[in-house]
Amino acid sequence: MPAVAGFSKIAFRRPFRLLRKRPPRAPLAEIATDIPSRLDRLAWGWFHTRVVTALGITWILDGLEVTLAGSLAGALKDSPTLRFSNIDVGIANSAYLAGAVIGALGFGWLTDRIGRKKLFFVTLALYLAATAATALSWNLASYTLFRFLTGAGIGGEYTAINSTIQELIPARYRGFTDLVINGSFWLGAALGAVAAIVLLDPALFAPDIGWRLAFFTGAVLGLVVFVMRFWIPESPRWLITHGRPEEAARIAAEIEQVARPHPTDDVARSPIALRMRHHTPLREVAEVLFVRYRRRSLVGLTLMAAQAFFYNAIFFTYALVLGDFYGIPADRVGWYILPFAAGNFLGPLLLGRLFDTVGRRVMIALTYSVSGVLLALSGYLFAAGVLDAQTQTICWMVIFFFASPAASAAYLTVSETFPLEMRALAIAVFYAIGTGIGGVIGPALFGVLIETGSRGSVFAGYALGAVLMIAAAGVAWCYGIAAERRPLEDVAPPLARVEHPDLR
């Protein structure tokens, strides 16, 4: 074949070489390390406070986003540009959750593969750009797209942040810390409520300006968080298993310089042997999820799906219920969300320590079942027409005092009961499936039910949420894992762990 100008036979062949199967990488060496036990035996210090502040604020951002979406529902309907219906609001909210599902899966896989730190910068950058773009929406399609991308950033945040916090916080504090951090969602909700009260006041801002400024609030807060995250190191546990033990040892030593051992240092100090790896194949992840730990998978899926439907269906349509059934103006909804948010934050704060002392199984079963029973009871009172806006809010405060630690415990469960090498992806899988089943369907379903104007139809949706929560309580009681105060490597041994005769 004659040569073509500018190309040669080698040039033609080179692209096809990329399609050939590459030779497998050489296996990494085995290593004995005590870094996990060194991290677990530390007392709480400034380093841990810094981690919680810089990473845990993700839930504040999510709370801000969800509250704004709910509080702004009336403003979006009144907007001269958008003119949304109840169904449009439900569709846009479901798009946010669908984005969170896809973002969690994609970014969760990357978090386990290329590291925690890289991903919690990427996901936050996506959130920043998308929430700012939401403020510039001009129709349903653009608003839905930007909400989808915002959700993708938040979904990715869940996987990267949950896994990082689990691996940096000592075992004795893990349950309470995780629940309070997840409960900080409601600090964001309170911030969103206050922003809505001010920005939706027609005396201050035009109808088509206030809701746009509200979304810019989230972008500004996210920018501050982006700078704070430069303080946080990569997870030493992740570095050990991915062939970077020297870097892991350096970071662990730096942490020990600013955090002292706990006075009741009761964590076993024996090292563990690991065979370092480049990555974890998806077929191995599937084997762990569906064969080795299938009962844990059942628990995680059930808890995530139940709480996702329960929370998202009710909270995303909170403003619609207040407006359509109680006649509360859009600019007054924030006042009702503030006490609701307070109950949600106080639940994990006051009950959280019991998850580390009384135990995971008992507290998860208790909070899920009480939430379901109370929702069914308040839903009946709502259908009977005996509640007003104030008493309805009081009912929801009491319900979500128990539901908030229950929902947080779902994230705690899936993040601590699976091995380190697949922790972020496990969080992503259960979050994605649970949210897909319970979260994406919920807001759209309730939007349709509220659109009927029938209290009985809305009560049917509440009854479904109650049944799901009570069923999840039963599954947790039967199959839950007693993970309280235990090292992560004890609850779920790393896939890279090997038996070494000198370490027995």
Protein backbone atom coordinates (compact mmCIF):
# COMPACT_ATOMS: atom_id res chain seq x y z
CA MET A 1 0.00 0.00 0.00
CA PRO A 2 1.50 3.35 -0.96
CA ALA A 3 2.32 5.76 1.82
CA VAL A 4 -0.01 8.70 2.36
CA ALA A 5 1.51 12.13 2.94
CA GLY A 6 2.00 12.83 6.62
CA PHE A 7 1.35 9.23 7.73
CA SER A 8 3.23 5.96 7.72
CA LYS A 9 2.33 2.33 8.22
CA ILE A 10 3.46 2.71 11.82
CA ALA A 11 1.14 5.68 12.29
CA PHE A 12 -1.78 3.67 10.94
CA ARG A 13 -1.02 0.72 13.19
CA ARG A 14 -0.38 2.65 16.40
CA PRO A 15 -4.04 3.38 17.24
CA PHE A 16 -4.89 -0.29 16.91
CA ARG A 17 -2.19 -1.18 19.40
CA LEU A 18 -4.22 0.68 22.02
CA LEU A 19 -7.02 -1.85 21.53
CA ARG A 20 -4.80 -4.77 22.37
CA LYS A 21 -5.00 -6.22 25.84
CA ARG A 22 -2.33 -4.71 28.05
CA PRO A 23 -0.20 -7.04 30.13
CA PRO A 24 -1.30 -7.18 33.77
CA ARG A 25 0.46 -4.93 36.23
CA ALA A 26 2.96 -6.51 38.54
CA PRO A 27 1.40 -7.25 41.93
CA LEU A 28 2.35 -4.89 44.73
CA ALA A 29 4.18 -6.07 47.82
CA GLU A 30 2.75 -7.19 51.13
CA ILE A 31 3.13 -4.90 54.13
CA ALA A 32 2.49 -5.15 57.86
CA THR A 33 1.05 -1.93 59.33
CA ASP A 34 -0.39 -0.67 62.60
CA ILE A 35 -1.63 2.63 61.16
CA PRO A 36 -5.38 1.78 61.50
CA SER A 37 -5.03 0.96 65.20
CA ARG A 38 -2.88 4.08 65.75
CA LEU A 39 -5.63 6.25 64.27
CA ASP A 40 -8.34 4.51 66.32
CA ARG A 41 -6.67 4.89 69.70
CA LEU A 42 -6.40 8.69 69.48
CA ALA A 43 -8.42 11.05 71.65
CA TRP A 44 -10.45 13.77 69.96
CA GLY A 45 -8.23 16.65 68.91
CA TRP A 46 -8.06 19.77 66.76
CA PHE A 47 -7.33 17.65 63.71
CA HIS A 48 -10.65 15.79 64.05
CA THR A 49 -12.54 19.04 64.55
CA ARG A 50 -10.94 20.35 61.37
CA VAL A 51 -11.97 17.24 59.43
CA VAL A 52 -15.56 17.47 60.65
CA THR A 53 -15.75 21.17 59.82
CA ALA A 54 -14.24 21.06 56.34
CA LEU A 55 -15.90 17.83 55.20
CA GLY A 56 -19.07 17.62 57.25
CA ILE A 57 -20.30 20.93 55.87
CA THR A 58 -21.34 18.94 52.79
CA TRP A 59 -24.56 18.07 54.59
CA ILE A 60 -25.15 21.74 55.36
CA LEU A 61 -24.91 22.42 51.63
CA ASP A 62 -27.34 19.59 50.87
CA GLY A 63 -29.73 20.86 53.53
CA LEU A 64 -29.51 24.32 52.03
CA GLU A 65 -30.23 22.99 48.54
CA VAL A 66 -33.16 20.80 49.57
CA THR A 67 -34.70 23.49 51.76
CA LEU A 68 -34.38 26.10 49.06
CA ALA A 69 -36.06 23.75 46.60
CA GLY A 70 -38.93 23.19 49.03
CA SER A 71 -39.22 26.76 50.30
CA LEU A 72 -38.98 28.23 46.83
CA ALA A 73 -41.73 26.03 45.39
CA GLY A 74 -44.31 28.80 45.74
CA ALA A 75 -41.92 31.40 44.32
CA LEU A 76 -41.16 29.19 41.31
CA LYS A 77 -44.89 28.88 40.67
CA ASP A 78 -45.32 32.66 40.93
CA SER A 79 -42.21 33.48 38.89
CA PRO A 80 -43.10 35.50 35.75
CA THR A 81 -40.40 33.56 33.89
CA LEU A 82 -40.89 29.96 35.06
CA ARG A 83 -44.58 29.69 36.14
CA PHE A 84 -44.17 26.12 37.46
CA SER A 85 -47.07 23.84 38.39
CA ASN A 86 -46.97 21.44 41.36
CA ILE A 87 -46.03 18.65 38.95
CA ASP A 88 -43.19 20.77 37.49
CA VAL A 89 -41.84 21.31 41.02
CA GLY A 90 -41.98 17.56 41.68
CA ILE A 91 -40.21 16.77 38.39
CA ALA A 92 -37.41 19.26 39.09
CA ASN A 93 -36.92 17.89 42.61
CA SER A 94 -36.81 14.35 41.29
CA ALA A 95 -34.19 15.47 38.75
CA TYR A 96 -32.02 16.72 41.63
CA LEU A 97 -32.26 13.30 43.28
CA ALA A 98 -31.66 11.47 39.98
CA GLY A 99 -28.48 13.51 39.54
CA ALA A 100 -27.43 12.58 43.06
CA VAL A 101 -27.91 8.90 42.21
CA ILE A 102 -25.79 9.04 39.05
CA GLY A 103 -23.18 11.27 40.67
CA ALA A 104 -22.86 8.93 43.63
CA LEU A 105 -22.25 5.92 41.40
CA GLY A 106 -19.73 7.55 39.09
CA PHE A 107 -17.83 9.50 41.71
CA GLY A 108 -18.05 6.64 44.21
CA TRP A 109 -16.21 4.34 41.82
CA LEU A 110 -13.56 7.02 41.23
CA THR A 111 -13.20 7.70 44.97
CA ASP A 112 -12.14 4.12 45.64
CA ARG A 113 -9.92 4.07 42.57
CA ILE A 114 -8.00 7.38 42.62
CA GLY A 115 -8.43 8.57 46.20
CA ARG A 116 -10.70 10.44 48.60
CA LYS A 117 -9.04 13.85 48.47
CA LYS A 118 -9.11 14.35 44.71
CA LEU A 119 -12.78 13.54 44.54
CA PHE A 120 -14.01 15.80 47.32
CA PHE A 121 -12.51 18.72 45.36
CA VAL A 122 -14.01 17.62 42.03
CA THR A 123 -17.50 17.05 43.43
CA LEU A 124 -17.55 20.37 45.27
CA ALA A 125 -16.45 22.21 42.12
CA LEU A 126 -19.35 20.62 40.21
CA TYR A 127 -21.78 21.64 42.94
CA LEU A 128 -20.50 25.23 42.88
CA ALA A 129 -20.88 25.61 39.14
CA ALA A 130 -24.27 23.92 38.91
CA THR A 131 -25.96 25.71 41.81
CA ALA A 132 -24.79 29.07 40.46
CA ALA A 133 -26.17 28.11 37.04
CA THR A 134 -29.52 27.23 38.64
CA ALA A 135 -29.92 30.87 39.59
CA LEU A 136 -29.79 31.72 35.87
CA SER A 137 -32.52 29.25 34.78
CA TRP A 138 -34.98 30.50 32.17
CA ASN A 139 -37.44 27.59 31.80
CA LEU A 140 -38.33 24.14 33.17
CA ALA A 141 -35.74 22.35 31.02
CA SER A 142 -32.82 24.55 32.09
CA TYR A 143 -33.85 24.54 35.76
CA THR A 144 -34.21 20.74 35.72
CA LEU A 145 -30.81 20.26 34.04
CA PHE A 146 -28.99 22.49 36.51
CA ARG A 147 -30.72 20.84 39.45
CA PHE A 148 -29.65 17.46 38.03
CA LEU A 149 -26.01 18.59 37.90
CA THR A 150 -26.21 20.08 41.39
CA GLY A 151 -27.50 16.74 42.64
CA ALA A 152 -24.65 14.93 40.89
CA GLY A 153 -22.14 17.04 42.80
CA ILE A 154 -23.87 16.42 46.12
CA GLY A 155 -24.21 12.68 45.42
CA GLY A 156 -20.49 12.46 44.72
CA GLU A 157 -19.82 14.40 47.91
CA TYR A 158 -21.70 11.81 49.95
CA THR A 159 -19.42 8.98 48.83
CA ALA A 160 -16.09 10.80 49.08
CA ILE A 161 -16.88 12.53 52.37
CA ASN A 162 -18.53 9.64 54.21
CA SER A 163 -15.63 7.30 53.44
CA THR A 164 -13.01 9.90 54.42
CA ILE A 165 -14.67 10.73 57.74
CA GLN A 166 -15.14 7.06 58.61
CA GLU A 167 -11.44 6.40 58.01
CA LEU A 168 -10.09 9.42 59.93
CA ILE A 169 -12.34 9.44 63.03
CA PRO A 170 -11.39 7.10 65.94
CA ALA A 171 -13.68 4.10 66.48
CA ARG A 172 -15.05 5.25 69.87
CA TYR A 173 -16.40 8.47 68.33
CA ARG A 174 -17.46 7.16 64.93
CA GLY A 175 -21.18 6.61 65.47
CA PHE A 176 -21.98 9.85 67.27
CA THR A 177 -19.79 11.90 64.92
CA ASP A 178 -21.34 10.42 61.81
CA LEU A 179 -24.89 10.97 63.04
CA VAL A 180 -24.28 14.57 64.09
CA ILE A 181 -22.53 15.36 60.80
CA ASN A 182 -25.41 13.91 58.81
CA GLY A 183 -27.79 15.77 61.11
CA SER A 184 -26.03 19.02 60.25
CA PHE A 185 -28.09 18.81 57.05
CA TRP A 186 -30.66 20.67 59.13
CA LEU A 187 -28.35 23.54 59.92
CA GLY A 188 -28.31 24.03 56.16
CA ALA A 189 -32.07 23.67 56.16
CA ALA A 190 -32.35 26.43 58.76
CA LEU A 191 -30.01 28.62 56.73
CA GLY A 192 -32.11 27.96 53.64
CA ALA A 193 -35.28 28.81 55.54
CA VAL A 194 -33.86 32.13 56.76
CA ALA A 195 -32.61 32.92 53.25
CA ALA A 196 -36.06 32.17 51.87
CA ILE A 197 -37.76 34.41 54.45
CA VAL A 198 -35.58 37.36 53.47
CA LEU A 199 -35.19 36.78 49.75
CA LEU A 200 -38.86 35.95 49.07
CA ASP A 201 -40.13 39.07 50.81
CA PRO A 202 -41.86 40.97 47.98
CA ALA A 203 -41.09 44.26 49.75
CA LEU A 204 -37.36 43.57 49.30
CA PHE A 205 -37.01 41.70 46.02
CA ALA A 206 -39.03 41.27 42.84
CA PRO A 207 -40.71 37.84 42.37
CA ASP A 208 -38.19 36.75 39.75
CA ILE A 209 -35.10 37.94 41.64
CA GLY A 210 -35.41 36.53 45.18
CA TRP A 211 -35.29 32.84 44.28
CA ARG A 212 -32.26 33.43 42.04
CA LEU A 213 -30.35 35.13 44.86
CA ALA A 214 -31.26 32.20 47.11
CA PHE A 215 -29.37 29.75 44.89
CA PHE A 216 -26.36 32.05 44.74
CA THR A 217 -26.23 31.73 48.55
CA GLY A 218 -25.31 28.06 48.16
CA ALA A 219 -22.57 28.83 45.67
CA VAL A 220 -20.96 31.40 47.98
CA LEU A 221 -20.98 28.99 50.94
CA GLY A 222 -19.51 26.23 48.76
CA LEU A 223 -16.65 28.49 47.68
CA VAL A 224 -15.65 29.02 51.32
CA VAL A 225 -15.71 25.26 51.93
CA PHE A 226 -13.52 24.66 48.87
CA VAL A 227 -10.71 26.68 50.47
CA MET A 228 -11.11 24.91 53.83
CA ARG A 229 -10.56 21.50 52.28
CA PHE A 230 -6.94 22.19 51.50
CA TRP A 231 -6.33 21.47 55.20
CA ILE A 232 -7.47 17.83 54.94
CA PRO A 233 -4.99 15.04 54.03
CA GLU A 234 -5.65 11.90 52.04
CA SER A 235 -6.91 8.93 54.06
CA PRO A 236 -3.89 6.93 55.35
CA ARG A 237 -6.00 3.77 55.21
CA TRP A 238 -6.61 4.28 51.49
CA LEU A 239 -2.94 5.08 50.85
CA ILE A 240 -1.77 1.86 52.54
CA THR A 241 -3.85 -0.40 50.34
CA HIS A 242 -2.93 1.48 47.15
CA GLY A 243 0.83 1.11 47.32
CA ARG A 244 1.75 4.34 49.11
CA PRO A 245 2.73 3.21 52.63
CA GLU A 246 5.43 5.86 53.11
CA GLU A 247 2.94 8.67 52.50
CA ALA A 248 0.41 6.97 54.80
CA ALA A 249 3.01 6.70 57.57
CA ARG A 250 3.95 10.39 57.19
CA ILE A 251 0.33 11.56 57.42
CA ALA A 252 -0.40 9.29 60.39
CA ALA A 253 2.65 10.69 62.21
CA GLU A 254 1.50 14.25 61.52
CA ILE A 255 -1.95 13.45 62.92
CA GLU A 256 -0.39 11.94 66.06
CA GLN A 257 1.57 15.14 66.62
CA VAL A 258 -1.67 17.11 67.10
CA ALA A 259 -3.89 14.40 68.67
CA ARG A 260 -2.91 12.53 71.83
CA PRO A 261 -3.75 8.90 72.67
CA HIS A 262 -7.04 8.44 74.50
CA PRO A 263 -6.65 8.03 78.31
CA THR A 264 -8.49 4.69 78.16
CA ASP A 265 -6.50 3.43 75.20
CA ASP A 266 -8.30 0.09 74.69
CA VAL A 267 -7.69 -0.42 70.96
CA ALA A 268 -5.62 -3.48 70.02
CA ARG A 269 -2.24 -2.38 68.67
CA SER A 270 -1.37 -5.51 66.71
CA PRO A 271 -0.48 -4.79 63.06
CA ILE A 272 -2.34 -6.27 60.13
CA ALA A 273 -0.82 -7.68 56.96
CA LEU A 274 -2.05 -6.26 53.64
CA ARG A 275 -1.24 -7.07 50.05
CA MET A 276 -1.26 -3.65 48.38
CA ARG A 277 -3.23 -3.32 45.14
CA HIS A 278 -3.69 -0.86 42.29
CA HIS A 279 -7.50 -1.10 42.35
CA THR A 280 -10.38 -3.43 43.20
CA PRO A 281 -12.08 -5.12 40.21
CA LEU A 282 -15.83 -4.60 39.95
CA ARG A 283 -16.41 -8.36 39.86
CA GLU A 284 -14.84 -8.59 43.33
CA VAL A 285 -17.07 -5.76 44.53
CA ALA A 286 -20.12 -7.62 43.19
CA GLU A 287 -19.03 -10.84 44.91
CA VAL A 288 -18.72 -9.04 48.24
CA LEU A 289 -22.07 -7.26 47.92
CA PHE A 290 -24.17 -10.14 46.67
CA VAL A 291 -22.46 -13.22 48.07
CA ARG A 292 -20.11 -12.66 51.00
CA TYR A 293 -22.07 -9.86 52.68
CA ARG A 294 -25.53 -10.31 51.17
CA ARG A 295 -27.28 -9.85 54.55
CA ARG A 296 -25.44 -6.58 55.10
CA SER A 297 -26.49 -5.55 51.61
CA LEU A 298 -30.12 -6.30 52.45
CA VAL A 299 -29.89 -4.15 55.57
CA GLY A 300 -28.19 -1.26 53.77
CA LEU A 301 -30.61 -1.27 50.84
CA THR A 302 -33.68 -1.44 53.07
CA LEU A 303 -32.55 1.35 55.38
CA MET A 304 -31.54 3.65 52.53
CA ALA A 305 -34.71 3.12 50.48
CA ALA A 306 -37.07 3.60 53.41
CA GLN A 307 -35.48 6.77 54.73
CA ALA A 308 -35.10 8.22 51.22
CA PHE A 309 -38.81 7.89 50.46
CA PHE A 310 -39.77 9.05 53.94
CA TYR A 311 -37.62 12.17 53.86
CA ASN A 312 -37.63 13.27 50.26
CA ALA A 313 -41.31 12.69 49.64
CA ILE A 314 -42.33 14.74 52.66
CA PHE A 315 -39.69 17.45 52.77
CA PHE A 316 -39.56 18.27 49.06
CA THR A 317 -43.34 18.87 49.13
CA TYR A 318 -43.47 20.53 52.57
CA ALA A 319 -44.13 23.98 51.11
CA LEU A 320 -46.82 22.62 48.79
CA VAL A 321 -48.75 21.07 51.70
CA LEU A 322 -48.52 24.30 53.71
CA GLY A 323 -49.60 26.37 50.72
CA ASP A 324 -52.33 24.19 49.19
CA PHE A 325 -53.96 22.82 52.36
CA TYR A 326 -53.23 25.50 54.98
CA GLY A 327 -53.02 28.63 52.82
CA ILE A 328 -49.53 29.66 53.97
CA PRO A 329 -47.98 32.22 51.55
CA ALA A 330 -44.67 31.27 49.91
CA ASP A 331 -42.78 34.04 51.71
CA ARG A 332 -43.92 32.65 55.12
CA VAL A 333 -42.97 29.00 54.62
CA GLY A 334 -39.48 29.55 56.04
CA TRP A 335 -40.91 30.32 59.49
CA TYR A 336 -42.44 26.82 59.57
CA ILE A 337 -39.26 25.13 58.38
CA LEU A 338 -37.13 26.60 61.18
CA PRO A 339 -38.74 24.61 64.04
CA PHE A 340 -38.92 21.56 61.77
CA ALA A 341 -35.16 21.85 61.15
CA ALA A 342 -34.50 22.28 64.88
CA GLY A 343 -36.21 18.97 65.67
CA ASN A 344 -34.22 17.23 62.96
CA PHE A 345 -30.88 18.47 64.27
CA LEU A 346 -31.66 17.86 67.94
CA GLY A 347 -32.49 14.21 67.23
CA PRO A 348 -28.95 13.10 66.25
CA LEU A 349 -27.41 15.50 68.78
CA LEU A 350 -29.35 14.08 71.76
CA LEU A 351 -29.76 10.46 70.66
CA GLY A 352 -26.49 10.03 68.76
CA ARG A 353 -24.35 8.84 71.68
CA LEU A 354 -26.80 5.99 72.32
CA PHE A 355 -25.77 4.48 68.97
CA ASP A 356 -22.26 4.02 70.47
CA THR A 357 -23.41 2.85 73.91
CA VAL A 358 -26.78 1.09 73.66
CA GLY A 359 -25.77 -0.18 70.22
CA ARG A 360 -26.53 0.11 66.53
CA ARG A 361 -29.19 -2.60 66.17
CA VAL A 362 -31.37 -1.45 69.06
CA MET A 363 -31.25 2.24 68.20
CA ILE A 364 -31.74 1.81 64.47
CA ALA A 365 -34.76 -0.45 64.99
CA LEU A 366 -36.18 1.92 67.61
CA THR A 367 -35.82 5.15 65.63
CA TYR A 368 -37.14 3.66 62.38
CA SER A 369 -40.20 2.07 64.01
CA VAL A 370 -41.12 5.12 66.12
CA SER A 371 -40.82 7.36 63.04
CA GLY A 372 -43.14 5.12 61.05
CA VAL A 373 -45.80 4.86 63.75
CA LEU A 374 -45.81 8.61 64.39
CA LEU A 375 -46.08 9.42 60.67
CA ALA A 376 -49.08 7.10 60.28
CA LEU A 377 -50.78 8.73 63.27
CA SER A 378 -50.14 12.31 62.13
CA GLY A 379 -51.19 11.40 58.59
CA TYR A 380 -54.53 10.18 59.92
CA LEU A 381 -55.02 13.44 61.83
CA PHE A 382 -54.13 15.38 58.66
CA ALA A 383 -56.70 13.45 56.61
CA ALA A 384 -59.32 14.00 59.29
CA GLY A 385 -58.73 17.76 59.06
CA VAL A 386 -58.04 18.27 62.76
CA LEU A 387 -54.59 19.86 62.28
CA ASP A 388 -53.70 23.41 61.35
CA ALA A 389 -50.35 24.68 60.07
CA GLN A 390 -48.93 25.07 63.57
CA THR A 391 -49.98 21.67 64.93
CA GLN A 392 -48.92 20.00 61.67
CA THR A 393 -45.46 21.50 62.13
CA ILE A 394 -45.32 20.30 65.75
CA CYS A 395 -46.22 16.78 64.61
CA TRP A 396 -43.47 16.82 62.01
CA MET A 397 -40.97 18.14 64.59
CA VAL A 398 -41.64 15.16 66.86
CA ILE A 399 -41.61 12.64 64.00
CA PHE A 400 -38.33 13.85 62.56
CA PHE A 401 -36.67 14.07 65.97
CA PHE A 402 -36.57 10.26 65.64
CA ALA A 403 -36.41 10.04 61.84
CA SER A 404 -33.29 12.21 61.56
CA PRO A 405 -30.96 9.89 63.54
CA ALA A 406 -32.61 6.95 61.76
CA ALA A 407 -31.76 8.36 58.33
CA SER A 408 -28.23 9.26 59.44
CA ALA A 409 -27.77 5.71 60.74
CA ALA A 410 -28.47 4.37 57.26
CA TYR A 411 -25.39 6.19 55.92
CA LEU A 412 -23.40 5.09 58.96
CA THR A 413 -24.38 1.46 58.37
CA VAL A 414 -23.40 1.24 54.72
CA SER A 415 -20.14 3.12 55.25
CA GLU A 416 -18.78 1.04 58.13
CA THR A 417 -19.94 -2.51 57.30
CA PHE A 418 -18.09 -2.98 53.99
CA PRO A 419 -14.33 -3.26 53.31
CA LEU A 420 -12.12 -0.21 52.85
CA GLU A 421 -11.29 -0.89 49.19
CA MET A 422 -14.95 -0.60 48.17
CA ARG A 423 -16.32 1.64 50.91
CA ALA A 424 -17.10 4.66 48.72
CA LEU A 425 -18.62 2.53 45.97
CA ALA A 426 -20.72 0.62 48.51
CA ILE A 427 -22.06 3.92 49.85
CA ALA A 428 -22.78 4.97 46.27
CA VAL A 429 -24.56 1.75 45.33
CA PHE A 430 -26.89 1.76 48.31
CA TYR A 431 -27.46 5.49 48.15
CA ALA A 432 -28.20 5.23 44.42
CA ILE A 433 -30.54 2.25 44.65
CA GLY A 434 -32.22 3.49 47.82
CA THR A 435 -32.67 7.00 46.48
CA GLY A 436 -33.74 5.68 43.09
CA ILE A 437 -36.43 3.54 44.70
CA GLY A 438 -37.49 5.83 47.50
CA GLY A 439 -36.26 9.31 46.70
CA VAL A 440 -36.76 9.93 43.01
CA ILE A 441 -40.23 8.40 43.03
CA GLY A 442 -41.32 10.10 46.27
CA PRO A 443 -41.35 13.81 45.36
CA ALA A 444 -42.96 13.19 41.96
CA LEU A 445 -45.58 10.90 43.54
CA PHE A 446 -46.43 13.39 46.27
CA GLY A 447 -46.55 16.21 43.74
CA VAL A 448 -49.28 14.28 41.93
CA LEU A 449 -51.10 13.42 45.18
CA ILE A 450 -51.08 17.04 46.35
CA GLU A 451 -52.26 18.20 42.92
CA THR A 452 -55.49 16.18 43.45
CA GLY A 453 -56.36 18.41 46.42
CA SER A 454 -57.46 15.34 48.35
CA ARG A 455 -56.25 14.90 51.93
CA GLY A 456 -57.03 11.20 51.67
CA SER A 457 -54.69 10.81 48.70
CA VAL A 458 -51.85 12.55 50.55
CA PHE A 459 -52.52 10.37 53.61
CA ALA A 460 -52.08 7.28 51.41
CA GLY A 461 -48.58 8.52 50.56
CA TYR A 462 -47.81 9.09 54.25
CA ALA A 463 -49.06 5.58 55.07
CA LEU A 464 -46.72 4.11 52.45
CA GLY A 465 -43.77 5.93 54.01
CA ALA A 466 -44.75 4.67 57.47
CA VAL A 467 -44.94 1.06 56.30
CA LEU A 468 -41.50 1.29 54.67
CA MET A 469 -39.93 2.65 57.88
CA ILE A 470 -41.47 -0.02 60.11
CA ALA A 471 -40.37 -2.76 57.70
CA ALA A 472 -36.82 -1.36 57.70
CA ALA A 473 -36.83 -1.45 61.50
CA GLY A 474 -37.60 -5.17 61.40
CA VAL A 475 -34.81 -5.88 58.93
CA ALA A 476 -32.28 -3.92 61.02
CA TRP A 477 -33.29 -5.76 64.19
CA CYS A 478 -32.95 -9.18 62.56
CA TYR A 479 -29.80 -8.68 60.47
CA GLY A 480 -28.05 -5.52 61.72
CA ILE A 481 -24.36 -5.55 62.71
CA ALA A 482 -23.14 -4.54 66.18
CA ALA A 483 -20.41 -2.20 64.89
CA GLU A 484 -20.32 0.21 67.82
CA ARG A 485 -16.83 1.15 69.10
CA ARG A 486 -15.18 -1.48 66.89
CA PRO A 487 -12.33 -0.71 64.45
CA LEU A 488 -13.36 -0.65 60.80
CA GLU A 489 -10.92 -3.47 60.04
CA ASP A 490 -12.70 -5.60 62.66
CA VAL A 491 -16.22 -4.86 61.38
CA ALA A 492 -15.23 -5.55 57.75
CA PRO A 493 -11.68 -6.88 57.15
CA PRO A 494 -9.96 -5.25 54.13
CA LEU A 495 -10.04 -7.27 50.92
CA ALA A 496 -6.26 -6.79 50.79
CA ARG A 497 -5.77 -8.45 54.17
CA VAL A 498 -3.61 -11.59 54.20
CA GLU A 499 -2.87 -14.06 56.94
CA HIS A 500 0.71 -13.76 58.11
CA PRO A 501 2.03 -16.36 60.58
CA ASP A 502 4.13 -13.77 62.45
CA LEU A 503 1.07 -11.57 63.10
CA ARG A 504 -1.28 -14.19 64.52
